[in-house]
Amino acid sequence: MTTSRNELVMRHRTSKSKSKAPTKRRWSADVTKRSDAPTLTGGVFTRRDPKSIASSLKRSAEHSTRRKGTPFQSAMSMLNFYINRMGRSMPAARGRVLERAKVELRKLFGRDPRPH
């Protein structure tokens, strides 16, 4: 019986993946559970309106007793954490909404860098 190169490669990949010990890949889920970050309104990052996302983050950050920094730092940190966690799998349109939410968040906290 002759075994082709493709069959050997597939066997090798299959056996390798089965014998591999599970690793802790979801560090971000652990950070979410154990951090001092404010508790957010459910589904805040799935909203389509950047102003709505920003105002919800601001409200959560201001009412939180678990934050270490200022409300602005806390809100911006949570937004950036979510964006980074989504990574490359985030659709471009979603990324644009979340980037606009950053701008809105700066405006709500009076930190708009653009001159008026």
N, C-alpha and C. Protein backbone atom coordinates (compact mmCIF):
# COMPACT_ATOMS: atom_id res chain seq x y z
N MET A 1 0.85 -1.19 0.00
CA MET A 1 0.00 0.00 0.00
C MET A 1 0.89 1.24 0.00
N THR A 2 0.67 2.10 -0.93
CA THR A 2 1.46 3.31 -1.05
C THR A 2 0.67 4.48 -0.48
N THR A 3 1.35 5.27 0.35
CA THR A 3 0.71 6.43 0.96
C THR A 3 1.24 7.68 0.27
N SER A 4 0.34 8.51 -0.17
CA SER A 4 0.76 9.74 -0.85
C SER A 4 1.23 10.77 0.17
N ARG A 5 1.94 11.74 -0.35
CA ARG A 5 2.45 12.82 0.51
C ARG A 5 1.30 13.58 1.17
N ASN A 6 0.22 13.83 0.43
CA ASN A 6 -0.93 14.55 0.98
C ASN A 6 -1.56 13.79 2.15
N GLU A 7 -1.64 12.48 2.03
CA GLU A 7 -2.21 11.69 3.13
C GLU A 7 -1.34 11.76 4.37
N LEU A 8 -0.02 11.74 4.18
CA LEU A 8 0.90 11.84 5.31
C LEU A 8 0.79 13.20 6.00
N VAL A 9 0.70 14.24 5.18
CA VAL A 9 0.57 15.59 5.73
C VAL A 9 -0.72 15.72 6.51
N MET A 10 -1.81 15.21 5.96
CA MET A 10 -3.10 15.30 6.65
C MET A 10 -3.09 14.51 7.95
N ARG A 11 -2.48 13.32 7.93
CA ARG A 11 -2.38 12.52 9.15
C ARG A 11 -1.57 13.25 10.20
N HIS A 12 -0.48 13.85 9.76
CA HIS A 12 0.38 14.58 10.68
C HIS A 12 -0.38 15.76 11.31
N ARG A 13 -1.08 16.52 10.51
CA ARG A 13 -1.84 17.67 11.02
C ARG A 13 -2.93 17.23 11.98
N THR A 14 -3.62 16.16 11.63
CA THR A 14 -4.71 15.68 12.46
C THR A 14 -4.20 15.19 13.80
N SER A 15 -3.15 14.38 13.77
CA SER A 15 -2.63 13.84 15.03
C SER A 15 -2.03 14.95 15.88
N LYS A 16 -1.41 15.93 15.24
CA LYS A 16 -0.80 17.02 15.98
C LYS A 16 -1.86 17.84 16.70
N SER A 17 -2.96 18.13 16.02
CA SER A 17 -3.99 18.95 16.63
C SER A 17 -4.71 18.21 17.76
N LYS A 18 -4.81 16.90 17.65
CA LYS A 18 -5.47 16.13 18.70
C LYS A 18 -4.62 16.04 19.96
N SER A 19 -3.31 15.95 19.78
CA SER A 19 -2.44 15.76 20.93
C SER A 19 -2.08 17.08 21.61
N LYS A 20 -2.41 18.18 20.97
CA LYS A 20 -2.06 19.48 21.52
C LYS A 20 -2.92 19.78 22.75
N ALA A 21 -2.27 20.17 23.83
CA ALA A 21 -2.99 20.49 25.05
C ALA A 21 -3.73 21.81 24.86
N PRO A 22 -4.93 21.93 25.41
CA PRO A 22 -5.67 23.18 25.26
C PRO A 22 -4.94 24.32 25.98
N THR A 23 -4.88 25.45 25.32
CA THR A 23 -4.21 26.61 25.91
C THR A 23 -5.24 27.66 26.28
N LYS A 24 -4.86 28.51 27.18
CA LYS A 24 -5.76 29.58 27.60
C LYS A 24 -5.63 30.72 26.59
N ARG A 25 -6.57 30.79 25.66
CA ARG A 25 -6.50 31.77 24.58
C ARG A 25 -7.35 33.00 24.86
N ARG A 26 -8.30 32.91 25.73
CA ARG A 26 -9.26 33.99 25.92
C ARG A 26 -8.87 34.89 27.10
N TRP A 27 -7.67 35.46 27.04
CA TRP A 27 -7.24 36.33 28.11
C TRP A 27 -8.14 37.54 28.23
N SER A 28 -8.71 37.98 27.10
CA SER A 28 -9.54 39.17 27.13
C SER A 28 -10.84 38.92 27.89
N ALA A 29 -11.35 37.70 27.83
CA ALA A 29 -12.56 37.37 28.60
C ALA A 29 -12.25 37.42 30.09
N ASP A 30 -11.06 36.97 30.45
CA ASP A 30 -10.64 37.01 31.85
C ASP A 30 -10.48 38.45 32.32
N VAL A 31 -9.91 39.29 31.47
CA VAL A 31 -9.76 40.71 31.81
C VAL A 31 -11.14 41.34 32.03
N THR A 32 -12.08 41.00 31.17
CA THR A 32 -13.42 41.56 31.27
C THR A 32 -14.08 41.18 32.60
N LYS A 33 -13.89 39.95 33.03
CA LYS A 33 -14.51 39.48 34.27
C LYS A 33 -13.86 40.07 35.52
N ARG A 34 -12.55 40.22 35.50
CA ARG A 34 -11.83 40.55 36.73
C ARG A 34 -11.28 41.97 36.80
N SER A 35 -11.56 42.79 35.82
CA SER A 35 -10.97 44.12 35.81
C SER A 35 -11.77 45.09 36.67
N ASP A 36 -11.20 46.27 36.84
CA ASP A 36 -11.89 47.33 37.57
C ASP A 36 -12.67 48.22 36.60
N ALA A 37 -12.89 47.72 35.41
CA ALA A 37 -13.62 48.49 34.41
C ALA A 37 -15.08 48.64 34.80
N PRO A 38 -15.71 49.72 34.39
CA PRO A 38 -17.12 49.92 34.73
C PRO A 38 -18.02 48.87 34.09
N THR A 39 -19.13 48.62 34.72
CA THR A 39 -20.13 47.71 34.16
C THR A 39 -20.87 48.45 33.06
N LEU A 40 -20.91 47.85 31.89
CA LEU A 40 -21.50 48.52 30.73
C LEU A 40 -22.92 48.02 30.48
N THR A 41 -23.68 48.85 29.81
CA THR A 41 -25.01 48.48 29.37
C THR A 41 -24.87 47.38 28.32
N GLY A 42 -25.71 46.36 28.38
CA GLY A 42 -25.65 45.26 27.43
C GLY A 42 -25.84 45.73 26.00
N GLY A 43 -25.03 45.22 25.09
CA GLY A 43 -25.15 45.54 23.67
C GLY A 43 -24.69 46.92 23.27
N VAL A 44 -23.97 47.59 24.16
CA VAL A 44 -23.57 48.97 23.85
C VAL A 44 -22.71 49.04 22.59
N PHE A 45 -21.86 48.05 22.36
CA PHE A 45 -20.97 48.10 21.21
C PHE A 45 -21.63 47.62 19.92
N THR A 46 -22.84 47.14 20.00
CA THR A 46 -23.54 46.70 18.79
C THR A 46 -24.45 47.80 18.24
N ARG A 47 -24.56 48.89 18.94
CA ARG A 47 -25.39 50.01 18.46
C ARG A 47 -24.81 50.60 17.19
N ARG A 48 -25.67 51.23 16.41
CA ARG A 48 -25.23 51.81 15.13
C ARG A 48 -24.94 53.30 15.24
N ASP A 49 -25.39 53.93 16.30
CA ASP A 49 -25.22 55.37 16.46
C ASP A 49 -24.01 55.66 17.36
N PRO A 50 -22.97 56.31 16.82
CA PRO A 50 -21.78 56.60 17.61
C PRO A 50 -22.08 57.46 18.85
N LYS A 51 -23.03 58.40 18.73
CA LYS A 51 -23.38 59.24 19.88
C LYS A 51 -24.01 58.41 20.99
N SER A 52 -24.81 57.44 20.62
CA SER A 52 -25.44 56.55 21.60
C SER A 52 -24.40 55.70 22.32
N ILE A 53 -23.43 55.20 21.58
CA ILE A 53 -22.35 54.40 22.18
C ILE A 53 -21.56 55.26 23.15
N ALA A 54 -21.19 56.47 22.70
CA ALA A 54 -20.39 57.36 23.53
C ALA A 54 -21.13 57.78 24.80
N SER A 55 -22.41 58.12 24.67
CA SER A 55 -23.15 58.56 25.86
C SER A 55 -23.34 57.42 26.85
N SER A 56 -23.52 56.21 26.36
CA SER A 56 -23.66 55.06 27.25
C SER A 56 -22.35 54.78 27.98
N LEU A 57 -21.23 54.86 27.27
CA LEU A 57 -19.92 54.67 27.90
C LEU A 57 -19.65 55.74 28.94
N LYS A 58 -20.02 56.97 28.61
CA LYS A 58 -19.82 58.08 29.55
C LYS A 58 -20.65 57.86 30.81
N ARG A 59 -21.89 57.52 30.63
CA ARG A 59 -22.79 57.29 31.77
C ARG A 59 -22.25 56.16 32.65
N SER A 60 -21.84 55.06 32.04
CA SER A 60 -21.31 53.93 32.80
C SER A 60 -20.04 54.30 33.55
N ALA A 61 -19.15 55.03 32.90
CA ALA A 61 -17.89 55.41 33.53
C ALA A 61 -18.10 56.38 34.69
N GLU A 62 -19.04 57.30 34.53
CA GLU A 62 -19.28 58.28 35.60
C GLU A 62 -19.95 57.66 36.82
N HIS A 63 -20.77 56.64 36.61
CA HIS A 63 -21.48 56.03 37.73
C HIS A 63 -20.74 54.86 38.36
N SER A 64 -19.62 54.48 37.76
CA SER A 64 -18.89 53.33 38.26
C SER A 64 -18.06 53.67 39.50
N THR A 65 -18.03 52.74 40.43
CA THR A 65 -17.17 52.89 41.61
C THR A 65 -15.95 51.97 41.48
N ARG A 66 -15.86 51.24 40.36
CA ARG A 66 -14.77 50.29 40.18
C ARG A 66 -13.63 50.82 39.32
N ARG A 67 -13.71 52.03 38.85
CA ARG A 67 -12.67 52.52 37.95
C ARG A 67 -11.48 53.07 38.73
N LYS A 68 -10.33 53.05 38.07
CA LYS A 68 -9.12 53.58 38.70
C LYS A 68 -8.77 54.97 38.19
N GLY A 69 -9.01 55.22 36.91
CA GLY A 69 -8.68 56.51 36.32
C GLY A 69 -9.88 57.44 36.32
N THR A 70 -9.79 58.47 35.49
CA THR A 70 -10.90 59.41 35.34
C THR A 70 -12.01 58.73 34.53
N PRO A 71 -13.21 59.27 34.58
CA PRO A 71 -14.28 58.70 33.76
C PRO A 71 -13.93 58.68 32.27
N PHE A 72 -13.28 59.73 31.78
CA PHE A 72 -12.89 59.77 30.37
C PHE A 72 -11.92 58.63 30.05
N GLN A 73 -10.90 58.46 30.89
CA GLN A 73 -9.92 57.39 30.66
C GLN A 73 -10.59 56.02 30.66
N SER A 74 -11.48 55.84 31.59
CA SER A 74 -12.17 54.56 31.72
C SER A 74 -13.04 54.27 30.50
N ALA A 75 -13.80 55.25 30.06
CA ALA A 75 -14.69 55.06 28.91
C ALA A 75 -13.89 54.81 27.63
N MET A 76 -12.86 55.60 27.42
CA MET A 76 -12.04 55.45 26.21
C MET A 76 -11.30 54.11 26.24
N SER A 77 -10.87 53.72 27.41
CA SER A 77 -10.17 52.45 27.57
C SER A 77 -11.07 51.27 27.20
N MET A 78 -12.32 51.31 27.64
CA MET A 78 -13.26 50.23 27.32
C MET A 78 -13.54 50.18 25.82
N LEU A 79 -13.67 51.33 25.20
CA LEU A 79 -13.92 51.38 23.77
C LEU A 79 -12.72 50.82 22.99
N ASN A 80 -11.53 51.24 23.36
CA ASN A 80 -10.32 50.73 22.71
C ASN A 80 -10.13 49.24 22.94
N PHE A 81 -10.43 48.79 24.14
CA PHE A 81 -10.33 47.37 24.46
C PHE A 81 -11.23 46.55 23.54
N TYR A 82 -12.45 47.01 23.37
CA TYR A 82 -13.39 46.30 22.50
C TYR A 82 -12.91 46.30 21.06
N ILE A 83 -12.45 47.44 20.57
CA ILE A 83 -11.96 47.53 19.19
C ILE A 83 -10.78 46.58 18.99
N ASN A 84 -9.85 46.59 19.92
CA ASN A 84 -8.68 45.72 19.80
C ASN A 84 -9.06 44.24 19.91
N ARG A 85 -10.03 43.95 20.74
CA ARG A 85 -10.47 42.57 20.92
C ARG A 85 -11.11 42.03 19.63
N MET A 86 -11.84 42.88 18.93
CA MET A 86 -12.45 42.46 17.67
C MET A 86 -11.39 42.21 16.61
N GLY A 87 -10.36 43.01 16.61
CA GLY A 87 -9.25 42.81 15.68
C GLY A 87 -9.66 42.86 14.23
N ARG A 88 -9.01 42.01 13.45
CA ARG A 88 -9.23 42.01 12.00
C ARG A 88 -10.58 41.43 11.59
N SER A 89 -11.22 40.73 12.52
CA SER A 89 -12.51 40.13 12.16
C SER A 89 -13.65 41.15 12.14
N MET A 90 -13.37 42.36 12.60
CA MET A 90 -14.41 43.39 12.63
C MET A 90 -14.66 43.93 11.22
N PRO A 91 -15.91 43.98 10.81
CA PRO A 91 -16.22 44.58 9.49
C PRO A 91 -15.83 46.06 9.47
N ALA A 92 -15.44 46.53 8.31
CA ALA A 92 -14.98 47.92 8.16
C ALA A 92 -16.04 48.92 8.61
N ALA A 93 -17.29 48.66 8.29
CA ALA A 93 -18.37 49.58 8.66
C ALA A 93 -18.49 49.68 10.18
N ARG A 94 -18.33 48.56 10.87
CA ARG A 94 -18.39 48.54 12.34
C ARG A 94 -17.23 49.34 12.92
N GLY A 95 -16.06 49.19 12.31
CA GLY A 95 -14.88 49.93 12.75
C GLY A 95 -15.06 51.42 12.61
N ARG A 96 -15.70 51.83 11.52
CA ARG A 96 -15.94 53.27 11.31
C ARG A 96 -16.89 53.82 12.38
N VAL A 97 -17.93 53.06 12.71
CA VAL A 97 -18.88 53.50 13.75
C VAL A 97 -18.15 53.65 15.09
N LEU A 98 -17.31 52.67 15.43
CA LEU A 98 -16.62 52.72 16.71
C LEU A 98 -15.56 53.83 16.75
N GLU A 99 -14.91 54.09 15.63
CA GLU A 99 -13.96 55.20 15.58
C GLU A 99 -14.69 56.54 15.72
N ARG A 100 -15.88 56.64 15.14
CA ARG A 100 -16.68 57.87 15.32
C ARG A 100 -17.14 58.01 16.77
N ALA A 101 -17.37 56.86 17.42
CA ALA A 101 -17.76 56.89 18.84
C ALA A 101 -16.64 57.48 19.69
N LYS A 102 -15.40 57.25 19.30
CA LYS A 102 -14.26 57.85 20.02
C LYS A 102 -14.32 59.37 19.92
N VAL A 103 -14.60 59.85 18.71
CA VAL A 103 -14.71 61.30 18.49
C VAL A 103 -15.84 61.87 19.35
N GLU A 104 -16.98 61.20 19.35
CA GLU A 104 -18.13 61.65 20.13
C GLU A 104 -17.83 61.62 21.63
N LEU A 105 -17.09 60.62 22.06
CA LEU A 105 -16.72 60.52 23.47
C LEU A 105 -15.83 61.69 23.89
N ARG A 106 -14.90 62.05 23.03
CA ARG A 106 -14.04 63.20 23.31
C ARG A 106 -14.88 64.48 23.41
N LYS A 107 -15.85 64.62 22.52
CA LYS A 107 -16.72 65.79 22.54
C LYS A 107 -17.53 65.84 23.84
N LEU A 108 -18.10 64.69 24.24
CA LEU A 108 -18.92 64.65 25.45
C LEU A 108 -18.12 65.03 26.70
N PHE A 109 -16.85 64.69 26.71
CA PHE A 109 -16.01 65.01 27.86
C PHE A 109 -15.28 66.34 27.68
N GLY A 110 -15.59 67.07 26.61
CA GLY A 110 -14.96 68.36 26.39
C GLY A 110 -13.49 68.26 26.03
N ARG A 111 -13.12 67.20 25.35
CA ARG A 111 -11.73 66.98 24.98
C ARG A 111 -11.56 66.93 23.47
N ASP A 112 -12.40 67.63 22.78
CA ASP A 112 -12.32 67.66 21.33
C ASP A 112 -11.04 68.39 20.92
N PRO A 113 -10.11 67.70 20.26
CA PRO A 113 -8.82 68.33 19.93
C PRO A 113 -8.89 69.36 18.81
N ARG A 114 -9.99 69.34 18.07
CA ARG A 114 -10.11 70.28 16.96
C ARG A 114 -10.54 71.66 17.46
N PRO A 115 -9.95 72.73 16.91
CA PRO A 115 -10.38 74.08 17.31
C PRO A 115 -11.80 74.35 16.81
N HIS A 116 -12.53 75.13 17.56
CA HIS A 116 -13.93 75.40 17.19
C HIS A 116 -14.04 76.61 16.34
